Amino acid sequence: MAKWDLKKCPRCGGNMFIDRDIYEWYEKCLQCGYCCELRSLDEIQQNSVRKDQRLAGTPEHEPRGR
């Protein structure tokens, strides 16, 4: 079952659909064929945590010892 995003293609402004194959989820344009892989939810959450840490000024890894 595909989900449609109308007028969202970054290349031509066409209609994109979100679908998956046996390996991953992807987004594809019906008009021009532009295709891109969708990131996993875990990857998005990890990137968000790293960005929040940089904005807050806290180190990503706490020093050991002390």
C-alpha atoms as a PDB file:
ATOM      1  CA  MET A   1       0.000   0.000   0.000  1.00  0.00           C
ATOM      2  CA  ALA A   2       1.511   3.307  -1.048  1.00  0.00           C
ATOM      3  CA  LYS A   3       1.041   6.750   0.474  1.00  0.00           C
ATOM      4  CA  TRP A   4       0.920   9.761  -1.839  1.00  0.00           C
ATOM      5  CA  ASP A   5       2.536  13.173  -1.317  1.00  0.00           C
ATOM      6  CA  LEU A   6       1.195  15.510  -3.977  1.00  0.00           C
ATOM      7  CA  LYS A   7       3.542  18.079  -5.548  1.00  0.00           C
ATOM      8  CA  LYS A   8       6.516  17.138  -3.298  1.00  0.00           C
ATOM      9  CA  CYS A   9       9.218  16.010  -5.782  1.00  0.00           C
ATOM     10  CA  PRO A  10      12.409  18.078  -5.262  1.00  0.00           C
ATOM     11  CA  ARG A  11      13.383  17.641  -8.929  1.00  0.00           C
ATOM     12  CA  CYS A  12      10.187  18.308 -10.912  1.00  0.00           C
ATOM     13  CA  GLY A  13       7.480  19.174  -8.363  1.00  0.00           C
ATOM     14  CA  GLY A  14       5.544  16.039  -9.260  1.00  0.00           C
ATOM     15  CA  ASN A  15       3.588  13.582  -7.140  1.00  0.00           C
ATOM     16  CA  MET A  16       5.657  11.355  -4.852  1.00  0.00           C
ATOM     17  CA  PHE A  17       4.582   8.026  -3.436  1.00  0.00           C
ATOM     18  CA  ILE A  18       6.038   6.275  -0.416  1.00  0.00           C
ATOM     19  CA  ASP A  19       6.374   2.524  -0.627  1.00  0.00           C
ATOM     20  CA  ARG A  20       8.697  -0.271   0.376  1.00  0.00           C
ATOM     21  CA  ASP A  21      10.370  -3.282  -1.124  1.00  0.00           C
ATOM     22  CA  ILE A  22      11.912  -6.252   0.702  1.00  0.00           C
ATOM     23  CA  TYR A  23      14.893  -4.130   1.800  1.00  0.00           C
ATOM     24  CA  GLU A  24      13.702  -0.641   2.768  1.00  0.00           C
ATOM     25  CA  TRP A  25      11.192   2.185   2.503  1.00  0.00           C
ATOM     26  CA  TYR A  26      11.615   4.628  -0.366  1.00  0.00           C
ATOM     27  CA  GLU A  27      10.003   7.648  -1.968  1.00  0.00           C
ATOM     28  CA  LYS A  28       9.527   7.840  -5.761  1.00  0.00           C
ATOM     29  CA  CYS A  29       8.150  10.443  -8.159  1.00  0.00           C
ATOM     30  CA  LEU A  30       5.436   9.266 -10.514  1.00  0.00           C
ATOM     31  CA  GLN A  31       6.264  11.861 -13.172  1.00  0.00           C
ATOM     32  CA  CYS A  32      10.105  11.927 -13.449  1.00  0.00           C
ATOM     33  CA  GLY A  33      11.137   8.743 -11.598  1.00  0.00           C
ATOM     34  CA  TYR A  34      13.221  10.511  -8.923  1.00  0.00           C
ATOM     35  CA  CYS A  35      13.811   8.027  -6.093  1.00  0.00           C
ATOM     36  CA  CYS A  36      15.349   8.278  -2.629  1.00  0.00           C
ATOM     37  CA  GLU A  37      15.618   5.958   0.357  1.00  0.00           C
ATOM     38  CA  LEU A  38      13.830   6.934   3.530  1.00  0.00           C
ATOM     39  CA  ARG A  39      15.878   6.917   6.720  1.00  0.00           C
ATOM     40  CA  SER A  40      14.946   4.624   9.562  1.00  0.00           C
ATOM     41  CA  LEU A  41      13.279   6.052  12.664  1.00  0.00           C
ATOM     42  CA  ASP A  42      16.280   4.993  14.790  1.00  0.00           C
ATOM     43  CA  GLU A  43      18.674   6.934  12.543  1.00  0.00           C
ATOM     44  CA  ILE A  44      16.486  10.046  12.713  1.00  0.00           C
ATOM     45  CA  GLN A  45      16.277   9.843  16.526  1.00  0.00           C
ATOM     46  CA  GLN A  46      20.070   9.400  16.879  1.00  0.00           C
ATOM     47  CA  ASN A  47      20.746  12.421  14.670  1.00  0.00           C
ATOM     48  CA  SER A  48      18.225  14.462  16.661  1.00  0.00           C
ATOM     49  CA  VAL A  49      19.898  13.576  19.988  1.00  0.00           C
ATOM     50  CA  ARG A  50      23.336  14.528  18.624  1.00  0.00           C
ATOM     51  CA  LYS A  51      21.991  17.842  17.335  1.00  0.00           C
ATOM     52  CA  ASP A  52      20.340  18.602  20.694  1.00  0.00           C
ATOM     53  CA  GLN A  53      23.601  17.832  22.514  1.00  0.00           C
ATOM     54  CA  ARG A  54      25.583  20.167  20.254  1.00  0.00           C
ATOM     55  CA  LEU A  55      23.023  22.951  20.724  1.00  0.00           C
ATOM     56  CA  ALA A  56      23.062  22.498  24.507  1.00  0.00           C
ATOM     57  CA  GLY A  57      26.872  22.511  24.574  1.00  0.00           C
ATOM     58  CA  THR A  58      27.150  19.125  26.276  1.00  0.00           C
ATOM     59  CA  PRO A  59      29.746  16.604  25.112  1.00  0.00           C
ATOM     60  CA  GLU A  60      28.531  13.537  23.234  1.00  0.00           C
ATOM     61  CA  HIS A  61      30.671  11.230  25.373  1.00  0.00           C
ATOM     62  CA  GLU A  62      31.358  11.714  29.069  1.00  0.00           C
ATOM     63  CA  PRO A  63      35.031  11.345  30.066  1.00  0.00           C
ATOM     64  CA  ARG A  64      35.904   8.160  31.927  1.00  0.00           C
ATOM     65  CA  GLY A  65      37.620   7.963  35.280  1.00  0.00           C
ATOM     66  CA  ARG A  66      37.287  10.852  37.696  1.00  0.00           C
END
